[in-house]
Amino acid sequence: MPKGKSSGSALASARFEYSLELARGSSYIGSTLTPETEERAIAETIKQFCVLYGEAQVTLFQKILAEELQHRGNQHAALAVAQFKFNCTCGAR
């Protein structure tokens, strides 16, 4: 199977599997009013995801979270999520 198809399939599967976290995180991040609260919301969203699913999936989640924010028309937050540096030290489930 071509790489593009498997990659797209993996993204679609992840969007489905993490749909609740994506909806909750994008809503929370999108509701912030200042850069400081936005950064805190991003950190909390990604940390909670890390606790639930583990560090191995954080990069993928961060990518699709940024895409979700972009889809919702929040370009600034999408860019902030994409550029956010997170060190997961949470111990996965």
PDB file of N, CA and C in Angstrom:
ATOM      1  N   MET A   1       0.847  -1.188   0.000  1.00  0.00           N
ATOM      2  CA  MET A   1       0.000   0.000   0.000  1.00  0.00           C
ATOM      3  C   MET A   1       0.884   1.241   0.000  1.00  0.00           C
ATOM      4  N   PRO A   2       0.588   2.261  -0.796  1.00  0.00           N
ATOM      5  CA  PRO A   2       1.385   3.473  -0.815  1.00  0.00           C
ATOM      6  C   PRO A   2       1.395   4.156   0.541  1.00  0.00           C
ATOM      7  N   LYS A   3       2.517   4.781   0.831  1.00  0.00           N
ATOM      8  CA  LYS A   3       2.697   5.416   2.124  1.00  0.00           C
ATOM      9  C   LYS A   3       1.621   6.458   2.416  1.00  0.00           C
ATOM     10  N   GLY A   4       1.219   7.244   1.433  1.00  0.00           N
ATOM     11  CA  GLY A   4       0.213   8.277   1.624  1.00  0.00           C
ATOM     12  C   GLY A   4      -1.107   7.714   2.124  1.00  0.00           C
ATOM     13  N   LYS A   5      -1.507   6.573   1.587  1.00  0.00           N
ATOM     14  CA  LYS A   5      -2.764   5.969   2.009  1.00  0.00           C
ATOM     15  C   LYS A   5      -2.682   5.451   3.434  1.00  0.00           C
ATOM     16  N   SER A   6      -1.582   4.812   3.799  1.00  0.00           N
ATOM     17  CA  SER A   6      -1.464   4.298   5.161  1.00  0.00           C
ATOM     18  C   SER A   6      -1.358   5.428   6.159  1.00  0.00           C
ATOM     19  N   SER A   7      -0.690   6.495   5.784  1.00  0.00           N
ATOM     20  CA  SER A   7      -0.570   7.655   6.665  1.00  0.00           C
ATOM     21  C   SER A   7      -1.931   8.311   6.877  1.00  0.00           C
ATOM     22  N   GLY A   8      -2.694   8.458   5.799  1.00  0.00           N
ATOM     23  CA  GLY A   8      -4.029   9.033   5.903  1.00  0.00           C
ATOM     24  C   GLY A   8      -4.953   8.161   6.729  1.00  0.00           C
ATOM     25  N   SER A   9      -4.800   6.873   6.571  1.00  0.00           N
ATOM     26  CA  SER A   9      -5.600   5.930   7.339  1.00  0.00           C
ATOM     27  C   SER A   9      -5.261   6.014   8.834  1.00  0.00           C
ATOM     28  N   ALA A  10      -3.989   6.145   9.128  1.00  0.00           N
ATOM     29  CA  ALA A  10      -3.563   6.265  10.525  1.00  0.00           C
ATOM     30  C   ALA A  10      -4.118   7.542  11.147  1.00  0.00           C
ATOM     31  N   LEU A  11      -4.106   8.647  10.391  1.00  0.00           N
ATOM     32  CA  LEU A  11      -4.657   9.904  10.900  1.00  0.00           C
ATOM     33  C   LEU A  11      -6.156   9.784  11.132  1.00  0.00           C
ATOM     34  N   ALA A  12      -6.850   9.159  10.205  1.00  0.00           N
ATOM     35  CA  ALA A  12      -8.298   8.985  10.356  1.00  0.00           C
ATOM     36  C   ALA A  12      -8.615   8.126  11.579  1.00  0.00           C
ATOM     37  N   SER A  13      -7.859   7.073  11.777  1.00  0.00           N
ATOM     38  CA  SER A  13      -8.058   6.205  12.940  1.00  0.00           C
ATOM     39  C   SER A  13      -7.795   6.964  14.236  1.00  0.00           C
ATOM     40  N   ALA A  14      -6.735   7.761  14.245  1.00  0.00           N
ATOM     41  CA  ALA A  14      -6.403   8.536  15.442  1.00  0.00           C
ATOM     42  C   ALA A  14      -7.475   9.583  15.724  1.00  0.00           C
ATOM     43  N   ARG A  15      -7.960  10.247  14.678  1.00  0.00           N
ATOM     44  CA  ARG A  15      -9.030  11.236  14.880  1.00  0.00           C
ATOM     45  C   ARG A  15     -10.258  10.585  15.515  1.00  0.00           C
ATOM     46  N   PHE A  16     -10.585   9.395  15.060  1.00  0.00           N
ATOM     47  CA  PHE A  16     -11.722   8.683  15.619  1.00  0.00           C
ATOM     48  C   PHE A  16     -11.449   8.272  17.071  1.00  0.00           C
ATOM     49  N   GLU A  17     -10.298   7.659  17.298  1.00  0.00           N
ATOM     50  CA  GLU A  17      -9.965   7.167  18.642  1.00  0.00           C
ATOM     51  C   GLU A  17      -9.866   8.290  19.663  1.00  0.00           C
ATOM     52  N   TYR A  18      -9.346   9.434  19.257  1.00  0.00           N
ATOM     53  CA  TYR A  18      -9.132  10.546  20.182  1.00  0.00           C
ATOM     54  C   TYR A  18     -10.180  11.644  20.031  1.00  0.00           C
ATOM     55  N   SER A  19     -11.329  11.327  19.435  1.00  0.00           N
ATOM     56  CA  SER A  19     -12.328  12.358  19.131  1.00  0.00           C
ATOM     57  C   SER A  19     -12.787  13.129  20.367  1.00  0.00           C
ATOM     58  N   LEU A  20     -12.964  12.466  21.480  1.00  0.00           N
ATOM     59  CA  LEU A  20     -13.395  13.155  22.695  1.00  0.00           C
ATOM     60  C   LEU A  20     -12.319  14.129  23.173  1.00  0.00           C
ATOM     61  N   GLU A  21     -11.070  13.673  23.205  1.00  0.00           N
ATOM     62  CA  GLU A  21      -9.979  14.537  23.647  1.00  0.00           C
ATOM     63  C   GLU A  21      -9.767  15.701  22.689  1.00  0.00           C
ATOM     64  N   LEU A  22      -9.941  15.459  21.393  1.00  0.00           N
ATOM     65  CA  LEU A  22      -9.804  16.531  20.402  1.00  0.00           C
ATOM     66  C   LEU A  22     -10.892  17.580  20.573  1.00  0.00           C
ATOM     67  N   ALA A  23     -12.120  17.144  20.759  1.00  0.00           N
ATOM     68  CA  ALA A  23     -13.224  18.084  20.945  1.00  0.00           C
ATOM     69  C   ALA A  23     -13.046  18.889  22.222  1.00  0.00           C
ATOM     70  N   ARG A  24     -12.732  18.201  23.297  1.00  0.00           N
ATOM     71  CA  ARG A  24     -12.555  18.869  24.587  1.00  0.00           C
ATOM     72  C   ARG A  24     -11.373  19.839  24.538  1.00  0.00           C
ATOM     73  N   GLY A  25     -10.255  19.379  24.005  1.00  0.00           N
ATOM     74  CA  GLY A  25      -9.055  20.212  23.960  1.00  0.00           C
ATOM     75  C   GLY A  25      -9.207  21.419  23.056  1.00  0.00           C
ATOM     76  N   SER A  26      -9.777  21.225  21.883  1.00  0.00           N
ATOM     77  CA  SER A  26      -9.924  22.352  20.958  1.00  0.00           C
ATOM     78  C   SER A  26     -10.920  23.371  21.495  1.00  0.00           C
ATOM     79  N   SER A  27     -11.952  22.911  22.175  1.00  0.00           N
ATOM     80  CA  SER A  27     -12.907  23.832  22.788  1.00  0.00           C
ATOM     81  C   SER A  27     -12.250  24.624  23.922  1.00  0.00           C
ATOM     82  N   TYR A  28     -11.526  23.924  24.766  1.00  0.00           N
ATOM     83  CA  TYR A  28     -10.844  24.566  25.902  1.00  0.00           C
ATOM     84  C   TYR A  28      -9.811  25.576  25.415  1.00  0.00           C
ATOM     85  N   ILE A  29      -8.970  25.172  24.505  1.00  0.00           N
ATOM     86  CA  ILE A  29      -7.930  26.061  23.977  1.00  0.00           C
ATOM     87  C   ILE A  29      -8.560  27.241  23.237  1.00  0.00           C
ATOM     88  N   GLY A  30      -9.589  26.967  22.463  1.00  0.00           N
ATOM     89  CA  GLY A  30     -10.250  28.027  21.705  1.00  0.00           C
ATOM     90  C   GLY A  30     -10.970  29.045  22.561  1.00  0.00           C
ATOM     91  N   SER A  31     -11.290  28.686  23.796  1.00  0.00           N
ATOM     92  CA  SER A  31     -12.016  29.601  24.672  1.00  0.00           C
ATOM     93  C   SER A  31     -11.115  30.541  25.463  1.00  0.00           C
ATOM     94  N   THR A  32      -9.821  30.392  25.334  1.00  0.00           N
ATOM     95  CA  THR A  32      -8.911  31.224  26.112  1.00  0.00           C
ATOM     96  C   THR A  32      -8.871  32.653  25.566  1.00  0.00           C
ATOM     97  N   LEU A  33      -8.531  33.590  26.459  1.00  0.00           N
ATOM     98  CA  LEU A  33      -8.567  35.004  26.089  1.00  0.00           C
ATOM     99  C   LEU A  33      -7.204  35.673  26.026  1.00  0.00           C
ATOM    100  N   THR A  34      -6.213  35.071  26.644  1.00  0.00           N
ATOM    101  CA  THR A  34      -4.877  35.677  26.654  1.00  0.00           C
ATOM    102  C   THR A  34      -3.843  34.640  26.231  1.00  0.00           C
ATOM    103  N   PRO A  35      -2.678  35.090  25.795  1.00  0.00           N
ATOM    104  CA  PRO A  35      -1.618  34.129  25.446  1.00  0.00           C
ATOM    105  C   PRO A  35      -1.230  33.221  26.620  1.00  0.00           C
ATOM    106  N   GLU A  36      -1.280  33.754  27.821  1.00  0.00           N
ATOM    107  CA  GLU A  36      -0.913  32.967  28.998  1.00  0.00           C
ATOM    108  C   GLU A  36      -1.926  31.861  29.258  1.00  0.00           C
ATOM    109  N   THR A  37      -3.217  32.186  29.167  1.00  0.00           N
ATOM    110  CA  THR A  37      -4.223  31.145  29.400  1.00  0.00           C
ATOM    111  C   THR A  37      -4.260  30.147  28.248  1.00  0.00           C
ATOM    112  N   GLU A  38      -3.959  30.617  27.045  1.00  0.00           N
ATOM    113  CA  GLU A  38      -3.888  29.711  25.905  1.00  0.00           C
ATOM    114  C   GLU A  38      -2.756  28.702  26.106  1.00  0.00           C
ATOM    115  N   GLU A  39      -1.598  29.180  26.504  1.00  0.00           N
ATOM    116  CA  GLU A  39      -0.458  28.278  26.724  1.00  0.00           C
ATOM    117  C   GLU A  39      -0.752  27.284  27.839  1.00  0.00           C
ATOM    118  N   ARG A  40      -1.396  27.747  28.899  1.00  0.00           N
ATOM    119  CA  ARG A  40      -1.747  26.850  30.001  1.00  0.00           C
ATOM    120  C   ARG A  40      -2.763  25.799  29.534  1.00  0.00           C
ATOM    121  N   ALA A  41      -3.734  26.211  28.735  1.00  0.00           N
ATOM    122  CA  ALA A  41      -4.738  25.268  28.224  1.00  0.00           C
ATOM    123  C   ALA A  41      -4.094  24.220  27.310  1.00  0.00           C
ATOM    124  N   ILE A  42      -3.158  24.647  26.488  1.00  0.00           N
ATOM    125  CA  ILE A  42      -2.450  23.703  25.613  1.00  0.00           C
ATOM    126  C   ILE A  42      -1.670  22.696  26.457  1.00  0.00           C
ATOM    127  N   ALA A  43      -0.936  23.197  27.436  1.00  0.00           N
ATOM    128  CA  ALA A  43      -0.142  22.313  28.300  1.00  0.00           C
ATOM    129  C   ALA A  43      -1.039  21.320  29.043  1.00  0.00           C
ATOM    130  N   GLU A  44      -2.149  21.800  29.591  1.00  0.00           N
ATOM    131  CA  GLU A  44      -3.058  20.917  30.323  1.00  0.00           C
ATOM    132  C   GLU A  44      -3.683  19.874  29.407  1.00  0.00           C
ATOM    133  N   THR A  45      -4.076  20.289  28.214  1.00  0.00           N
ATOM    134  CA  THR A  45      -4.694  19.368  27.261  1.00  0.00           C
ATOM    135  C   THR A  45      -3.725  18.262  26.859  1.00  0.00           C
ATOM    136  N   ILE A  46      -2.511  18.644  26.526  1.00  0.00           N
ATOM    137  CA  ILE A  46      -1.523  17.652  26.088  1.00  0.00           C
ATOM    138  C   ILE A  46      -1.083  16.771  27.254  1.00  0.00           C
ATOM    139  N   LYS A  47      -0.946  17.350  28.444  1.00  0.00           N
ATOM    140  CA  LYS A  47      -0.565  16.544  29.613  1.00  0.00           C
ATOM    141  C   LYS A  47      -1.645  15.505  29.914  1.00  0.00           C
ATOM    142  N   GLN A  48      -2.901  15.926  29.875  1.00  0.00           N
ATOM    143  CA  GLN A  48      -3.988  14.979  30.140  1.00  0.00           C
ATOM    144  C   GLN A  48      -4.000  13.862  29.109  1.00  0.00           C
ATOM    145  N   PHE A  49      -3.762  14.209  27.859  1.00  0.00           N
ATOM    146  CA  PHE A  49      -3.688  13.189  26.816  1.00  0.00           C
ATOM    147  C   PHE A  49      -2.551  12.218  27.116  1.00  0.00           C
ATOM    148  N   CYS A  50      -1.414  12.745  27.503  1.00  0.00           N
ATOM    149  CA  CYS A  50      -0.245  11.917  27.810  1.00  0.00           C
ATOM    150  C   CYS A  50      -0.556  10.941  28.944  1.00  0.00           C
ATOM    151  N   VAL A  51      -1.257  11.409  29.954  1.00  0.00           N
ATOM    152  CA  VAL A  51      -1.635  10.547  31.073  1.00  0.00           C
ATOM    153  C   VAL A  51      -2.537   9.406  30.588  1.00  0.00           C
ATOM    154  N   LEU A  52      -3.475   9.741  29.710  1.00  0.00           N
ATOM    155  CA  LEU A  52      -4.438   8.742  29.232  1.00  0.00           C
ATOM    156  C   LEU A  52      -3.851   7.750  28.231  1.00  0.00           C
ATOM    157  N   TYR A  53      -3.016   8.243  27.317  1.00  0.00           N
ATOM    158  CA  TYR A  53      -2.589   7.417  26.183  1.00  0.00           C
ATOM    159  C   TYR A  53      -1.081   7.167  26.105  1.00  0.00           C
ATOM    160  N   GLY A  54      -0.314   7.899  26.848  1.00  0.00           N
ATOM    161  CA  GLY A  54       1.124   7.689  26.840  1.00  0.00           C
ATOM    162  C   GLY A  54       1.873   8.628  25.920  1.00  0.00           C
ATOM    163  N   GLU A  55       3.128   8.730  26.184  1.00  0.00           N
ATOM    164  CA  GLU A  55       4.016   9.657  25.481  1.00  0.00           C
ATOM    165  C   GLU A  55       4.154   9.327  23.995  1.00  0.00           C
ATOM    166  N   ALA A  56       4.081   8.065  23.642  1.00  0.00           N
ATOM    167  CA  ALA A  56       4.299   7.653  22.246  1.00  0.00           C
ATOM    168  C   ALA A  56       3.284   8.270  21.292  1.00  0.00           C
ATOM    169  N   GLN A  57       2.094   8.598  21.765  1.00  0.00           N
ATOM    170  CA  GLN A  57       1.033   9.125  20.904  1.00  0.00           C
ATOM    171  C   GLN A  57       0.899  10.642  20.951  1.00  0.00           C
ATOM    172  N   VAL A  58       1.677  11.310  21.791  1.00  0.00           N
ATOM    173  CA  VAL A  58       1.532  12.759  21.988  1.00  0.00           C
ATOM    174  C   VAL A  58       1.789  13.539  20.701  1.00  0.00           C
ATOM    175  N   THR A  59       2.814  13.195  19.964  1.00  0.00           N
ATOM    176  CA  THR A  59       3.137  13.940  18.740  1.00  0.00           C
ATOM    177  C   THR A  59       1.994  13.856  17.730  1.00  0.00           C
ATOM    178  N   LEU A  60       1.432  12.678  17.567  1.00  0.00           N
ATOM    179  CA  LEU A  60       0.305  12.505  16.654  1.00  0.00           C
ATOM    180  C   LEU A  60      -0.902  13.307  17.140  1.00  0.00           C
ATOM    181  N   PHE A  61      -1.197  13.227  18.422  1.00  0.00           N
ATOM    182  CA  PHE A  61      -2.327  13.981  18.979  1.00  0.00           C
ATOM    183  C   PHE A  61      -2.124  15.481  18.791  1.00  0.00           C
ATOM    184  N   GLN A  62      -0.939  15.949  19.050  1.00  0.00           N
ATOM    185  CA  GLN A  62      -0.640  17.373  18.906  1.00  0.00           C
ATOM    186  C   GLN A  62      -0.867  17.818  17.458  1.00  0.00           C
ATOM    187  N   LYS A  63      -0.475  17.001  16.518  1.00  0.00           N
ATOM    188  CA  LYS A  63      -0.662  17.317  15.093  1.00  0.00           C
ATOM    189  C   LYS A  63      -2.136  17.417  14.749  1.00  0.00           C
ATOM    190  N   ILE A  64      -2.929  16.430  15.155  1.00  0.00           N
ATOM    191  CA  ILE A  64      -4.339  16.463  14.789  1.00  0.00           C
ATOM    192  C   ILE A  64      -5.123  17.485  15.618  1.00  0.00           C
ATOM    193  N   LEU A  65      -4.650  17.804  16.813  1.00  0.00           N
ATOM    194  CA  LEU A  65      -5.265  18.886  17.595  1.00  0.00           C
ATOM    195  C   LEU A  65      -5.059  20.220  16.883  1.00  0.00           C
ATOM    196  N   ALA A  66      -3.866  20.459  16.381  1.00  0.00           N
ATOM    197  CA  ALA A  66      -3.602  21.689  15.623  1.00  0.00           C
ATOM    198  C   ALA A  66      -4.477  21.744  14.375  1.00  0.00           C
ATOM    199  N   GLU A  67      -4.625  20.618  13.694  1.00  0.00           N
ATOM    200  CA  GLU A  67      -5.482  20.567  12.509  1.00  0.00           C
ATOM    201  C   GLU A  67      -6.945  20.851  12.869  1.00  0.00           C
ATOM    202  N   GLU A  68      -7.385  20.326  14.002  1.00  0.00           N
ATOM    203  CA  GLU A  68      -8.761  20.559  14.454  1.00  0.00           C
ATOM    204  C   GLU A  68      -8.990  22.041  14.745  1.00  0.00           C
ATOM    205  N   LEU A  69      -8.046  22.679  15.396  1.00  0.00           N
ATOM    206  CA  LEU A  69      -8.168  24.110  15.680  1.00  0.00           C
ATOM    207  C   LEU A  69      -8.173  24.920  14.385  1.00  0.00           C
ATOM    208  N   GLN A  70      -7.349  24.528  13.444  1.00  0.00           N
ATOM    209  CA  GLN A  70      -7.309  25.206  12.152  1.00  0.00           C
ATOM    210  C   GLN A  70      -8.651  25.037  11.439  1.00  0.00           C
ATOM    211  N   HIS A  71      -9.195  23.845  11.477  1.00  0.00           N
ATOM    212  CA  HIS A  71     -10.494  23.568  10.867  1.00  0.00           C
ATOM    213  C   HIS A  71     -11.594  24.435  11.489  1.00  0.00           C
ATOM    214  N   ARG A  72     -11.469  24.709  12.791  1.00  0.00           N
ATOM    215  CA  ARG A  72     -12.440  25.548  13.495  1.00  0.00           C
ATOM    216  C   ARG A  72     -12.191  27.037  13.263  1.00  0.00           C
ATOM    217  N   GLY A  73     -11.172  27.366  12.474  1.00  0.00           N
ATOM    218  CA  GLY A  73     -10.901  28.766  12.140  1.00  0.00           C
ATOM    219  C   GLY A  73     -10.024  29.496  13.130  1.00  0.00           C
ATOM    220  N   ASN A  74      -9.386  28.776  14.029  1.00  0.00           N
ATOM    221  CA  ASN A  74      -8.536  29.412  15.024  1.00  0.00           C
ATOM    222  C   ASN A  74      -7.070  29.185  14.638  1.00  0.00           C
ATOM    223  N   GLN A  75      -6.615  29.948  13.657  1.00  0.00           N
ATOM    224  CA  GLN A  75      -5.259  29.789  13.118  1.00  0.00           C
ATOM    225  C   GLN A  75      -4.187  30.039  14.170  1.00  0.00           C
ATOM    226  N   HIS A  76      -4.392  31.058  15.002  1.00  0.00           N
ATOM    227  CA  HIS A  76      -3.388  31.387  16.021  1.00  0.00           C
ATOM    228  C   HIS A  76      -3.198  30.235  16.999  1.00  0.00           C
ATOM    229  N   ALA A  77      -4.294  29.695  17.493  1.00  0.00           N
ATOM    230  CA  ALA A  77      -4.193  28.572  18.437  1.00  0.00           C
ATOM    231  C   ALA A  77      -3.614  27.336  17.758  1.00  0.00           C
ATOM    232  N   ALA A  78      -3.970  27.111  16.499  1.00  0.00           N
ATOM    233  CA  ALA A  78      -3.422  25.968  15.763  1.00  0.00           C
ATOM    234  C   ALA A  78      -1.908  26.061  15.671  1.00  0.00           C
ATOM    235  N   LEU A  79      -1.418  27.243  15.369  1.00  0.00           N
ATOM    236  CA  LEU A  79       0.026  27.455  15.289  1.00  0.00           C
ATOM    237  C   LEU A  79       0.676  27.275  16.663  1.00  0.00           C
ATOM    238  N   ALA A  80       0.023  27.792  17.695  1.00  0.00           N
ATOM    239  CA  ALA A  80       0.565  27.656  19.061  1.00  0.00           C
ATOM    240  C   ALA A  80       0.659  26.191  19.467  1.00  0.00           C
ATOM    241  N   VAL A  81      -0.348  25.402  19.136  1.00  0.00           N
ATOM    242  CA  VAL A  81      -0.321  23.965  19.446  1.00  0.00           C
ATOM    243  C   VAL A  81       0.787  23.274  18.660  1.00  0.00           C
ATOM    244  N   ALA A  82       0.885  23.578  17.376  1.00  0.00           N
ATOM    245  CA  ALA A  82       1.899  22.944  16.529  1.00  0.00           C
ATOM    246  C   ALA A  82       3.312  23.240  17.014  1.00  0.00           C
ATOM    247  N   GLN A  83       3.526  24.423  17.565  1.00  0.00           N
ATOM    248  CA  GLN A  83       4.869  24.829  18.003  1.00  0.00           C
ATOM    249  C   GLN A  83       5.137  24.522  19.474  1.00  0.00           C
ATOM    250  N   PHE A  84       4.151  24.052  20.192  1.00  0.00           N
ATOM    251  CA  PHE A  84       4.292  23.813  21.631  1.00  0.00           C
ATOM    252  C   PHE A  84       5.270  22.674  21.889  1.00  0.00           C
ATOM    253  N   LYS A  85       6.190  22.902  22.800  1.00  0.00           N
ATOM    254  CA  LYS A  85       7.166  21.879  23.206  1.00  0.00           C
ATOM    255  C   LYS A  85       6.717  21.289  24.530  1.00  0.00           C
ATOM    256  N   PHE A  86       6.494  19.986  24.527  1.00  0.00           N
ATOM    257  CA  PHE A  86       5.989  19.314  25.723  1.00  0.00           C
ATOM    258  C   PHE A  86       6.889  18.154  26.084  1.00  0.00           C
ATOM    259  N   ASN A  87       7.249  18.073  27.351  1.00  0.00           N
ATOM    260  CA  ASN A  87       8.034  16.948  27.858  1.00  0.00           C
ATOM    261  C   ASN A  87       7.137  16.112  28.731  1.00  0.00           C
ATOM    262  N   CYS A  88       6.737  14.987  28.241  1.00  0.00           N
ATOM    263  CA  CYS A  88       5.824  14.103  28.961  1.00  0.00           C
ATOM    264  C   CYS A  88       6.601  13.308  30.008  1.00  0.00           C
ATOM    265  N   THR A  89       6.285  13.568  31.244  1.00  0.00           N
ATOM    266  CA  THR A  89       6.896  12.832  32.347  1.00  0.00           C
ATOM    267  C   THR A  89       5.808  12.263  33.239  1.00  0.00           C
ATOM    268  N   CYS A  90       4.714  11.894  32.615  1.00  0.00           N
ATOM    269  CA  CYS A  90       3.504  11.576  33.369  1.00  0.00           C
ATOM    270  C   CYS A  90       3.312  10.096  33.673  1.00  0.00           C
ATOM    271  N   GLY A  91       4.077   9.242  33.077  1.00  0.00           N
ATOM    272  CA  GLY A  91       3.863   7.813  33.309  1.00  0.00           C
ATOM    273  C   GLY A  91       2.570   7.336  32.680  1.00  0.00           C
ATOM    274  N   ALA A  92       2.651   6.716  31.569  1.00  0.00           N
ATOM    275  CA  ALA A  92       1.459   6.292  30.823  1.00  0.00           C
ATOM    276  C   ALA A  92       0.710   5.199  31.535  1.00  0.00           C
ATOM    277  N   ARG A  93      -0.522   5.015  31.082  1.00  0.00           N
ATOM    278  CA  ARG A  93      -1.357   3.978  31.678  1.00  0.00           C
ATOM    279  C   ARG A  93      -0.873   2.607  31.349  1.00  0.00           C
TER     280      ARG A  93
END
